[in-house]
Amino acid sequence: MGAVVVNRAVLAGGVGVPYAEVGGAAGVPVVFVHAYVESWRYFEVVLGQLPDRLHGYAPSLRGHGDADRPEAGYSPGDFAADVVGFMDVVGIDRAALVGTSSGGLVSQVVAGSYPDRVSRLVLISSPASLGDKAAVDGMWAEISGLEDPLDRGFVTDFVRGTAPGAMSEDFVEMLVEESLKAPARVWKETLRGLLDYDARASRDRITAPTLLICGDEDLFVRDDQQLLLEAIPSARLRLYRGAGHAVHLTQPTRVVSDITEFLSES
């Protein structure tokens, strides 16, 4: 396990994104894709536990964290193109992709649209879609009216509502600070893009071996896992008993172990 180093990459279109990196040049490249209004720091604990044989990269997507905030480009397809553009900049021809929550939806688009760039796919607490979820419709009713500066209480409630409860106060505060960095228009445009996007066409083209990880108490996306199993060839599911959403935040050691085992298979 090496030290996590933070660098910055400028994509072909001029958008600058920070990214965390850990591991040596000889390690298997693994690109982590964070969820809605998050940043690379949501992977900080996971990155710190990666074994030396994996080389981890975790970029903050455009508009999120300390990345540049262009006026447009906040659909899942745009984010997917940015992930591939990031790989180009840092010199990765092919990588394993790990997406969490709505970052799993973006990762499905990458794996289906750019299959030659993805060696293996890990989807953690990932939906099959978001537009069919009543809870997200309610979320949109609130977020569509957001204005800058964002209300810290609202963002705190959002983080607590979408992340596991068993987190320290200091950790929650760090996550809140990261989510506050995204301006109101990014909150709105990104969520609208996620709600409107139909990932079925991309998902049908996924060829990479795929591991699904989900908590059996994750009411948000638990039922989606069967749909993903049926839609993605060679997909398998690892269900965490007694766990809810975003298990990488509360069970990082187990998640790292499962990812490492999966990526080590021939």
C-alpha atoms as a PDB file:
ATOM      1  CA  MET A   1       0.000   0.000   0.000  1.00  0.00           C
ATOM      2  CA  GLY A   2       1.523   3.312  -1.099  1.00  0.00           C
ATOM      3  CA  ALA A   3       0.835   6.960  -0.399  1.00  0.00           C
ATOM      4  CA  VAL A   4      -2.047   8.656  -2.188  1.00  0.00           C
ATOM      5  CA  VAL A   5      -0.772  11.491  -4.385  1.00  0.00           C
ATOM      6  CA  VAL A   6      -3.019  14.183  -5.873  1.00  0.00           C
ATOM      7  CA  ASN A   7      -2.270  15.521  -9.353  1.00  0.00           C
ATOM      8  CA  ARG A   8      -4.189  17.431 -12.023  1.00  0.00           C
ATOM      9  CA  ALA A   9      -4.977  16.458 -15.605  1.00  0.00           C
ATOM     10  CA  VAL A  10      -6.194  18.734 -18.399  1.00  0.00           C
ATOM     11  CA  LEU A  11      -8.509  16.910 -20.788  1.00  0.00           C
ATOM     12  CA  ALA A  12      -8.440  17.396 -24.545  1.00  0.00           C
ATOM     13  CA  GLY A  13     -11.297  19.909 -24.378  1.00  0.00           C
ATOM     14  CA  GLY A  14      -9.448  22.015 -21.825  1.00  0.00           C
ATOM     15  CA  VAL A  15     -11.298  20.915 -18.678  1.00  0.00           C
ATOM     16  CA  GLY A  16      -8.942  20.471 -15.727  1.00  0.00           C
ATOM     17  CA  VAL A  17      -9.660  17.692 -13.240  1.00  0.00           C
ATOM     18  CA  PRO A  18      -7.783  16.728 -10.077  1.00  0.00           C
ATOM     19  CA  TYR A  19      -7.138  13.069  -9.500  1.00  0.00           C
ATOM     20  CA  ALA A  20      -5.762  10.894  -6.740  1.00  0.00           C
ATOM     21  CA  GLU A  21      -3.248   8.213  -7.649  1.00  0.00           C
ATOM     22  CA  VAL A  22      -1.723   5.367  -5.701  1.00  0.00           C
ATOM     23  CA  GLY A  23       0.487   2.448  -6.717  1.00  0.00           C
ATOM     24  CA  GLY A  24       3.452   1.782  -8.953  1.00  0.00           C
ATOM     25  CA  ALA A  25       3.664   1.863 -12.731  1.00  0.00           C
ATOM     26  CA  ALA A  26       3.662  -1.944 -12.894  1.00  0.00           C
ATOM     27  CA  GLY A  27       0.316  -2.269 -11.092  1.00  0.00           C
ATOM     28  CA  VAL A  28      -2.950  -3.134 -12.843  1.00  0.00           C
ATOM     29  CA  PRO A  29      -4.633   0.188 -13.680  1.00  0.00           C
ATOM     30  CA  VAL A  30      -7.948   0.765 -11.917  1.00  0.00           C
ATOM     31  CA  VAL A  31     -10.021   3.912 -12.492  1.00  0.00           C
ATOM     32  CA  PHE A  32     -12.587   4.837  -9.831  1.00  0.00           C
ATOM     33  CA  VAL A  33     -15.697   6.814 -10.853  1.00  0.00           C
ATOM     34  CA  HIS A  34     -17.476   8.684  -8.081  1.00  0.00           C
ATOM     35  CA  ALA A  35     -21.183   9.409  -7.730  1.00  0.00           C
ATOM     36  CA  TYR A  36     -23.343  12.516  -8.044  1.00  0.00           C
ATOM     37  CA  VAL A  37     -21.933  15.708  -6.412  1.00  0.00           C
ATOM     38  CA  GLU A  38     -19.056  13.758  -4.892  1.00  0.00           C
ATOM     39  CA  SER A  39     -15.304  13.896  -5.669  1.00  0.00           C
ATOM     40  CA  TRP A  40     -12.225  11.675  -5.569  1.00  0.00           C
ATOM     41  CA  ARG A  41     -12.148  12.082  -1.791  1.00  0.00           C
ATOM     42  CA  TYR A  42     -15.104   9.724  -1.449  1.00  0.00           C
ATOM     43  CA  PHE A  43     -12.583   7.024  -2.441  1.00  0.00           C
ATOM     44  CA  GLU A  44      -9.828   8.171  -0.097  1.00  0.00           C
ATOM     45  CA  VAL A  45     -10.131   5.276   2.376  1.00  0.00           C
ATOM     46  CA  VAL A  46     -10.410   2.701  -0.425  1.00  0.00           C
ATOM     47  CA  LEU A  47      -7.354   4.075  -2.227  1.00  0.00           C
ATOM     48  CA  GLY A  48      -5.326   3.951   0.969  1.00  0.00           C
ATOM     49  CA  GLN A  49      -5.933   0.207   1.231  1.00  0.00           C
ATOM     50  CA  LEU A  50      -5.206  -0.842  -2.362  1.00  0.00           C
ATOM     51  CA  PRO A  51      -2.487  -3.507  -2.602  1.00  0.00           C
ATOM     52  CA  ASP A  52       0.709  -2.750  -4.513  1.00  0.00           C
ATOM     53  CA  ARG A  53      -0.357  -4.887  -7.479  1.00  0.00           C
ATOM     54  CA  LEU A  54      -3.120  -2.391  -8.288  1.00  0.00           C
ATOM     55  CA  HIS A  55      -2.501   1.130  -9.584  1.00  0.00           C
ATOM     56  CA  GLY A  56      -5.471   3.264  -8.622  1.00  0.00           C
ATOM     57  CA  TYR A  57      -6.661   6.508 -10.215  1.00  0.00           C
ATOM     58  CA  ALA A  58      -9.647   8.491  -8.945  1.00  0.00           C
ATOM     59  CA  PRO A  59     -10.481  11.661 -10.903  1.00  0.00           C
ATOM     60  CA  SER A  60     -13.018  14.240  -9.783  1.00  0.00           C
ATOM     61  CA  LEU A  61     -15.481  14.644 -12.640  1.00  0.00           C
ATOM     62  CA  ARG A  62     -16.096  18.014 -14.275  1.00  0.00           C
ATOM     63  CA  GLY A  63     -18.074  20.391 -12.041  1.00  0.00           C
ATOM     64  CA  HIS A  64     -17.333  18.312  -8.947  1.00  0.00           C
ATOM     65  CA  GLY A  65     -14.870  18.872  -6.133  1.00  0.00           C
ATOM     66  CA  ASP A  66     -11.980  21.015  -7.358  1.00  0.00           C
ATOM     67  CA  ALA A  67     -12.470  20.194 -11.060  1.00  0.00           C
ATOM     68  CA  ASP A  68     -13.190  22.937 -13.578  1.00  0.00           C
ATOM     69  CA  ARG A  69     -16.851  23.869 -14.014  1.00  0.00           C
ATOM     70  CA  PRO A  70     -17.636  24.426 -17.709  1.00  0.00           C
ATOM     71  CA  GLU A  71     -21.038  25.759 -18.675  1.00  0.00           C
ATOM     72  CA  ALA A  72     -22.147  22.483 -20.315  1.00  0.00           C
ATOM     73  CA  GLY A  73     -21.424  18.777 -20.513  1.00  0.00           C
ATOM     74  CA  TYR A  74     -23.138  17.164 -17.522  1.00  0.00           C
ATOM     75  CA  SER A  75     -24.883  14.136 -18.999  1.00  0.00           C
ATOM     76  CA  PRO A  76     -23.686  10.573 -18.257  1.00  0.00           C
ATOM     77  CA  GLY A  77     -22.398  10.423 -21.825  1.00  0.00           C
ATOM     78  CA  ASP A  78     -20.317  13.558 -21.238  1.00  0.00           C
ATOM     79  CA  PHE A  79     -18.883  12.166 -18.025  1.00  0.00           C
ATOM     80  CA  ALA A  80     -18.124   8.860 -19.749  1.00  0.00           C
ATOM     81  CA  ALA A  81     -16.216  10.686 -22.487  1.00  0.00           C
ATOM     82  CA  ASP A  82     -14.284  12.552 -19.792  1.00  0.00           C
ATOM     83  CA  VAL A  83     -13.300   9.272 -18.115  1.00  0.00           C
ATOM     84  CA  VAL A  84     -11.873   8.007 -21.413  1.00  0.00           C
ATOM     85  CA  GLY A  85     -10.249  11.388 -22.028  1.00  0.00           C
ATOM     86  CA  PHE A  86      -8.652  11.189 -18.585  1.00  0.00           C
ATOM     87  CA  MET A  87      -7.273   7.749 -19.411  1.00  0.00           C
ATOM     88  CA  ASP A  88      -5.784   9.192 -22.594  1.00  0.00           C
ATOM     89  CA  VAL A  89      -4.057  12.012 -20.721  1.00  0.00           C
ATOM     90  CA  VAL A  90      -2.484   9.773 -18.047  1.00  0.00           C
ATOM     91  CA  GLY A  91      -1.508   7.117 -20.583  1.00  0.00           C
ATOM     92  CA  ILE A  92      -3.896   4.261 -19.784  1.00  0.00           C
ATOM     93  CA  ASP A  93      -4.884   2.187 -22.802  1.00  0.00           C
ATOM     94  CA  ARG A  94      -7.127  -0.205 -20.871  1.00  0.00           C
ATOM     95  CA  ALA A  95      -8.211  -0.290 -17.235  1.00  0.00           C
ATOM     96  CA  ALA A  96     -10.541  -1.889 -14.772  1.00  0.00           C
ATOM     97  CA  LEU A  97     -13.364   0.500 -13.934  1.00  0.00           C
ATOM     98  CA  VAL A  98     -14.974   0.827 -10.483  1.00  0.00           C
ATOM     99  CA  GLY A  99     -18.121   2.958 -10.278  1.00  0.00           C
ATOM    100  CA  THR A 100     -20.154   3.710  -7.172  1.00  0.00           C
ATOM    101  CA  SER A 101     -23.860   4.583  -7.023  1.00  0.00           C
ATOM    102  CA  SER A 102     -24.634   6.911  -9.965  1.00  0.00           C
ATOM    103  CA  GLY A 103     -20.949   6.659 -10.880  1.00  0.00           C
ATOM    104  CA  GLY A 104     -21.843   3.058 -11.667  1.00  0.00           C
ATOM    105  CA  LEU A 105     -24.301   4.334 -14.264  1.00  0.00           C
ATOM    106  CA  VAL A 106     -21.533   6.433 -15.847  1.00  0.00           C
ATOM    107  CA  SER A 107     -19.234   3.401 -15.710  1.00  0.00           C
ATOM    108  CA  GLN A 108     -21.808   1.306 -17.563  1.00  0.00           C
ATOM    109  CA  VAL A 109     -21.825   3.928 -20.313  1.00  0.00           C
ATOM    110  CA  VAL A 110     -18.010   3.843 -20.511  1.00  0.00           C
ATOM    111  CA  ALA A 111     -17.908   0.037 -20.640  1.00  0.00           C
ATOM    112  CA  GLY A 112     -20.628  -0.156 -23.284  1.00  0.00           C
ATOM    113  CA  SER A 113     -19.529   2.772 -25.433  1.00  0.00           C
ATOM    114  CA  TYR A 114     -15.773   2.165 -25.215  1.00  0.00           C
ATOM    115  CA  PRO A 115     -15.519  -1.603 -24.629  1.00  0.00           C
ATOM    116  CA  ASP A 116     -11.919  -1.799 -25.794  1.00  0.00           C
ATOM    117  CA  ARG A 117     -10.861   0.531 -22.957  1.00  0.00           C
ATOM    118  CA  VAL A 118     -12.377  -1.480 -20.064  1.00  0.00           C
ATOM    119  CA  SER A 119     -10.775  -4.762 -18.968  1.00  0.00           C
ATOM    120  CA  ARG A 120     -13.112  -5.429 -16.047  1.00  0.00           C
ATOM    121  CA  LEU A 121     -16.046  -3.620 -14.494  1.00  0.00           C
ATOM    122  CA  VAL A 122     -17.027  -3.305 -10.823  1.00  0.00           C
ATOM    123  CA  LEU A 123     -20.360  -1.675  -9.992  1.00  0.00           C
ATOM    124  CA  ILE A 124     -20.866  -0.823  -6.316  1.00  0.00           C
ATOM    125  CA  SER A 125     -24.384   0.102  -5.158  1.00  0.00           C
ATOM    126  CA  SER A 126     -25.142   0.911  -8.785  1.00  0.00           C
ATOM    127  CA  PRO A 127     -28.566   1.621 -10.261  1.00  0.00           C
ATOM    128  CA  ALA A 128     -29.687   0.306 -13.610  1.00  0.00           C
ATOM    129  CA  SER A 129     -31.415   3.660 -14.117  1.00  0.00           C
ATOM    130  CA  LEU A 130     -32.529   6.611 -12.014  1.00  0.00           C
ATOM    131  CA  GLY A 131     -35.472   7.967 -13.964  1.00  0.00           C
ATOM    132  CA  ASP A 132     -37.806   5.247 -12.663  1.00  0.00           C
ATOM    133  CA  LYS A 133     -37.223   5.891  -8.963  1.00  0.00           C
ATOM    134  CA  ALA A 134     -39.835   7.820  -6.955  1.00  0.00           C
ATOM    135  CA  ALA A 135     -37.198   8.821  -4.385  1.00  0.00           C
ATOM    136  CA  VAL A 136     -35.165  10.546  -7.100  1.00  0.00           C
ATOM    137  CA  ASP A 137     -38.248  12.325  -8.419  1.00  0.00           C
ATOM    138  CA  GLY A 138     -38.690  13.763  -4.935  1.00  0.00           C
ATOM    139  CA  MET A 139     -35.024  14.702  -4.865  1.00  0.00           C
ATOM    140  CA  TRP A 140     -35.410  16.540  -8.185  1.00  0.00           C
ATOM    141  CA  ALA A 141     -38.311  18.569  -6.777  1.00  0.00           C
ATOM    142  CA  GLU A 142     -35.908  19.976  -4.177  1.00  0.00           C
ATOM    143  CA  ILE A 143     -32.741  20.235  -6.240  1.00  0.00           C
ATOM    144  CA  SER A 144     -34.379  21.917  -9.247  1.00  0.00           C
ATOM    145  CA  GLY A 145     -34.912  24.980  -7.057  1.00  0.00           C
ATOM    146  CA  LEU A 146     -31.375  25.234  -5.658  1.00  0.00           C
ATOM    147  CA  GLU A 147     -29.511  28.529  -5.847  1.00  0.00           C
ATOM    148  CA  ASP A 148     -26.019  29.624  -4.869  1.00  0.00           C
ATOM    149  CA  PRO A 149     -24.733  29.769  -2.241  1.00  0.00           C
ATOM    150  CA  LEU A 150     -25.901  26.291  -1.312  1.00  0.00           C
ATOM    151  CA  ASP A 151     -27.420  25.866   2.116  1.00  0.00           C
ATOM    152  CA  ARG A 152     -25.032  23.848   4.263  1.00  0.00           C
ATOM    153  CA  GLY A 153     -27.877  22.227   6.169  1.00  0.00           C
ATOM    154  CA  PHE A 154     -29.442  20.988   2.938  1.00  0.00           C
ATOM    155  CA  VAL A 155     -26.145  19.529   1.723  1.00  0.00           C
ATOM    156  CA  THR A 156     -25.515  17.884   5.099  1.00  0.00           C
ATOM    157  CA  ASP A 157     -28.954  16.258   4.994  1.00  0.00           C
ATOM    158  CA  PHE A 158     -28.322  15.142   1.412  1.00  0.00           C
ATOM    159  CA  VAL A 159     -24.987  13.518   2.287  1.00  0.00           C
ATOM    160  CA  ARG A 160     -26.486  11.772   5.315  1.00  0.00           C
ATOM    161  CA  GLY A 161     -29.425  10.595   3.221  1.00  0.00           C
ATOM    162  CA  THR A 162     -27.355   9.112   0.422  1.00  0.00           C
ATOM    163  CA  ALA A 163     -24.399   7.741   2.403  1.00  0.00           C
ATOM    164  CA  PRO A 164     -24.288   5.053   5.106  1.00  0.00           C
ATOM    165  CA  GLY A 165     -25.125   6.083   8.658  1.00  0.00           C
ATOM    166  CA  ALA A 166     -22.149   4.414  10.341  1.00  0.00           C
ATOM    167  CA  MET A 167     -19.627   7.171   9.601  1.00  0.00           C
ATOM    168  CA  SER A 168     -17.728   9.439  11.982  1.00  0.00           C
ATOM    169  CA  GLU A 169     -18.750  13.084  12.263  1.00  0.00           C
ATOM    170  CA  ASP A 170     -15.349  14.196  10.957  1.00  0.00           C
ATOM    171  CA  PHE A 171     -15.742  11.991   7.891  1.00  0.00           C
ATOM    172  CA  VAL A 172     -19.262  13.287   7.251  1.00  0.00           C
ATOM    173  CA  GLU A 173     -18.016  16.875   7.504  1.00  0.00           C
ATOM    174  CA  MET A 174     -15.301  16.157   4.943  1.00  0.00           C
ATOM    175  CA  LEU A 175     -17.869  14.703   2.536  1.00  0.00           C
ATOM    176  CA  VAL A 176     -20.147  17.707   3.045  1.00  0.00           C
ATOM    177  CA  GLU A 177     -17.291  20.094   2.251  1.00  0.00           C
ATOM    178  CA  GLU A 178     -16.621  18.220  -0.992  1.00  0.00           C
ATOM    179  CA  SER A 179     -20.265  18.224  -2.046  1.00  0.00           C
ATOM    180  CA  LEU A 180     -20.566  21.955  -1.272  1.00  0.00           C
ATOM    181  CA  LYS A 181     -17.940  22.652  -3.937  1.00  0.00           C
ATOM    182  CA  ALA A 182     -20.349  21.813  -6.766  1.00  0.00           C
ATOM    183  CA  PRO A 183     -22.419  24.920  -7.653  1.00  0.00           C
ATOM    184  CA  ALA A 184     -26.193  24.797  -7.860  1.00  0.00           C
ATOM    185  CA  ARG A 185     -26.226  24.563 -11.665  1.00  0.00           C
ATOM    186  CA  VAL A 186     -24.035  21.428 -11.533  1.00  0.00           C
ATOM    187  CA  TRP A 187     -26.371  19.856  -8.976  1.00  0.00           C
ATOM    188  CA  LYS A 188     -29.304  20.558 -11.276  1.00  0.00           C
ATOM    189  CA  GLU A 189     -27.806  19.774 -14.681  1.00  0.00           C
ATOM    190  CA  THR A 190     -26.109  16.574 -13.534  1.00  0.00           C
ATOM    191  CA  LEU A 191     -29.218  15.182 -11.859  1.00  0.00           C
ATOM    192  CA  ARG A 192     -31.379  16.099 -14.850  1.00  0.00           C
ATOM    193  CA  GLY A 193     -28.931  14.275 -17.091  1.00  0.00           C
ATOM    194  CA  LEU A 194     -28.995  11.193 -14.877  1.00  0.00           C
ATOM    195  CA  LEU A 195     -32.797  11.163 -14.802  1.00  0.00           C
ATOM    196  CA  ASP A 196     -33.135  11.523 -18.561  1.00  0.00           C
ATOM    197  CA  TYR A 197     -30.420   9.071 -19.614  1.00  0.00           C
ATOM    198  CA  ASP A 198     -31.373   5.622 -20.903  1.00  0.00           C
ATOM    199  CA  ALA A 199     -28.354   3.367 -20.319  1.00  0.00           C
ATOM    200  CA  ARG A 200     -29.901   0.229 -21.835  1.00  0.00           C
ATOM    201  CA  ALA A 201     -28.211   0.587 -25.217  1.00  0.00           C
ATOM    202  CA  SER A 202     -24.785   1.022 -23.647  1.00  0.00           C
ATOM    203  CA  ARG A 203     -25.371  -1.790 -21.157  1.00  0.00           C
ATOM    204  CA  ASP A 204     -26.224  -4.229 -23.933  1.00  0.00           C
ATOM    205  CA  ARG A 205     -22.763  -3.656 -25.417  1.00  0.00           C
ATOM    206  CA  ILE A 206     -20.760  -4.356 -22.243  1.00  0.00           C
ATOM    207  CA  THR A 207     -18.284  -7.175 -22.827  1.00  0.00           C
ATOM    208  CA  ALA A 208     -16.044  -6.810 -19.757  1.00  0.00           C
ATOM    209  CA  PRO A 209     -16.414  -9.350 -16.918  1.00  0.00           C
ATOM    210  CA  THR A 210     -18.482  -7.553 -14.295  1.00  0.00           C
ATOM    211  CA  LEU A 211     -18.764  -7.731 -10.515  1.00  0.00           C
ATOM    212  CA  LEU A 212     -21.795  -6.231  -8.785  1.00  0.00           C
ATOM    213  CA  ILE A 213     -21.455  -5.334  -5.098  1.00  0.00           C
ATOM    214  CA  CYS A 214     -24.552  -4.295  -3.157  1.00  0.00           C
ATOM    215  CA  GLY A 215     -25.871  -4.296   0.393  1.00  0.00           C
ATOM    216  CA  ASP A 216     -28.919  -6.462   0.936  1.00  0.00           C
ATOM    217  CA  GLU A 217     -30.503  -3.584   2.900  1.00  0.00           C
ATOM    218  CA  ASP A 218     -29.899  -1.057   0.130  1.00  0.00           C
ATOM    219  CA  LEU A 219     -33.517  -0.270  -0.718  1.00  0.00           C
ATOM    220  CA  PHE A 220     -32.435   2.312  -3.292  1.00  0.00           C
ATOM    221  CA  VAL A 221     -30.766  -0.058  -5.791  1.00  0.00           C
ATOM    222  CA  ARG A 222     -31.122  -3.599  -4.421  1.00  0.00           C
ATOM    223  CA  ASP A 223     -33.835  -4.562  -6.901  1.00  0.00           C
ATOM    224  CA  ASP A 224     -31.757  -3.196  -9.787  1.00  0.00           C
ATOM    225  CA  GLN A 225     -29.117  -5.847  -9.275  1.00  0.00           C
ATOM    226  CA  GLN A 226     -31.208  -8.603 -10.856  1.00  0.00           C
ATOM    227  CA  LEU A 227     -31.791  -6.429 -13.914  1.00  0.00           C
ATOM    228  CA  LEU A 228     -28.041  -5.780 -14.190  1.00  0.00           C
ATOM    229  CA  LEU A 229     -27.311  -9.485 -13.804  1.00  0.00           C
ATOM    230  CA  GLU A 230     -29.671 -10.294 -16.652  1.00  0.00           C
ATOM    231  CA  ALA A 231     -28.463  -7.482 -18.915  1.00  0.00           C
ATOM    232  CA  ILE A 232     -24.670  -7.748 -18.547  1.00  0.00           C
ATOM    233  CA  PRO A 233     -23.030 -10.940 -19.833  1.00  0.00           C
ATOM    234  CA  SER A 234     -20.760 -12.691 -17.312  1.00  0.00           C
ATOM    235  CA  ALA A 235     -21.964 -10.473 -14.457  1.00  0.00           C
ATOM    236  CA  ARG A 236     -22.015 -11.843 -10.929  1.00  0.00           C
ATOM    237  CA  LEU A 237     -23.340 -10.409  -7.681  1.00  0.00           C
ATOM    238  CA  ARG A 238     -21.725 -10.195  -4.267  1.00  0.00           C
ATOM    239  CA  LEU A 239     -24.374  -9.274  -1.695  1.00  0.00           C
ATOM    240  CA  TYR A 240     -23.270  -7.787   1.641  1.00  0.00           C
ATOM    241  CA  ARG A 241     -25.565  -8.980   4.407  1.00  0.00           C
ATOM    242  CA  GLY A 242     -26.829  -6.271   6.745  1.00  0.00           C
ATOM    243  CA  ALA A 243     -25.369  -3.470   4.617  1.00  0.00           C
ATOM    244  CA  GLY A 244     -27.050  -0.488   3.013  1.00  0.00           C
ATOM    245  CA  HIS A 245     -26.011   1.940   0.282  1.00  0.00           C
ATOM    246  CA  ALA A 246     -22.435   2.961  -0.609  1.00  0.00           C
ATOM    247  CA  VAL A 247     -20.730   0.059   1.151  1.00  0.00           C
ATOM    248  CA  HIS A 248     -17.286   1.294   0.067  1.00  0.00           C
ATOM    249  CA  LEU A 249     -17.612   4.041   2.686  1.00  0.00           C
ATOM    250  CA  THR A 250     -18.313   1.755   5.640  1.00  0.00           C
ATOM    251  CA  GLN A 251     -16.696  -1.515   4.574  1.00  0.00           C
ATOM    252  CA  PRO A 252     -13.671  -0.374   2.537  1.00  0.00           C
ATOM    253  CA  THR A 253     -11.472  -3.298   3.604  1.00  0.00           C
ATOM    254  CA  ARG A 254     -13.974  -5.865   2.378  1.00  0.00           C
ATOM    255  CA  VAL A 255     -14.643  -3.923  -0.805  1.00  0.00           C
ATOM    256  CA  VAL A 256     -10.913  -3.679  -1.579  1.00  0.00           C
ATOM    257  CA  SER A 257     -10.522  -7.398  -0.918  1.00  0.00           C
ATOM    258  CA  ASP A 258     -13.380  -8.272  -3.277  1.00  0.00           C
ATOM    259  CA  ILE A 259     -12.110  -5.930  -6.003  1.00  0.00           C
ATOM    260  CA  THR A 260      -8.572  -7.307  -5.697  1.00  0.00           C
ATOM    261  CA  GLU A 261      -9.760 -10.914  -5.871  1.00  0.00           C
ATOM    262  CA  PHE A 262     -11.934 -10.163  -8.905  1.00  0.00           C
ATOM    263  CA  LEU A 263      -9.176  -8.340 -10.770  1.00  0.00           C
ATOM    264  CA  SER A 264      -6.711 -11.129 -10.018  1.00  0.00           C
ATOM    265  CA  GLU A 265      -8.786 -13.761 -11.819  1.00  0.00           C
ATOM    266  CA  SER A 266      -7.463 -14.999 -15.153  1.00  0.00           C
END
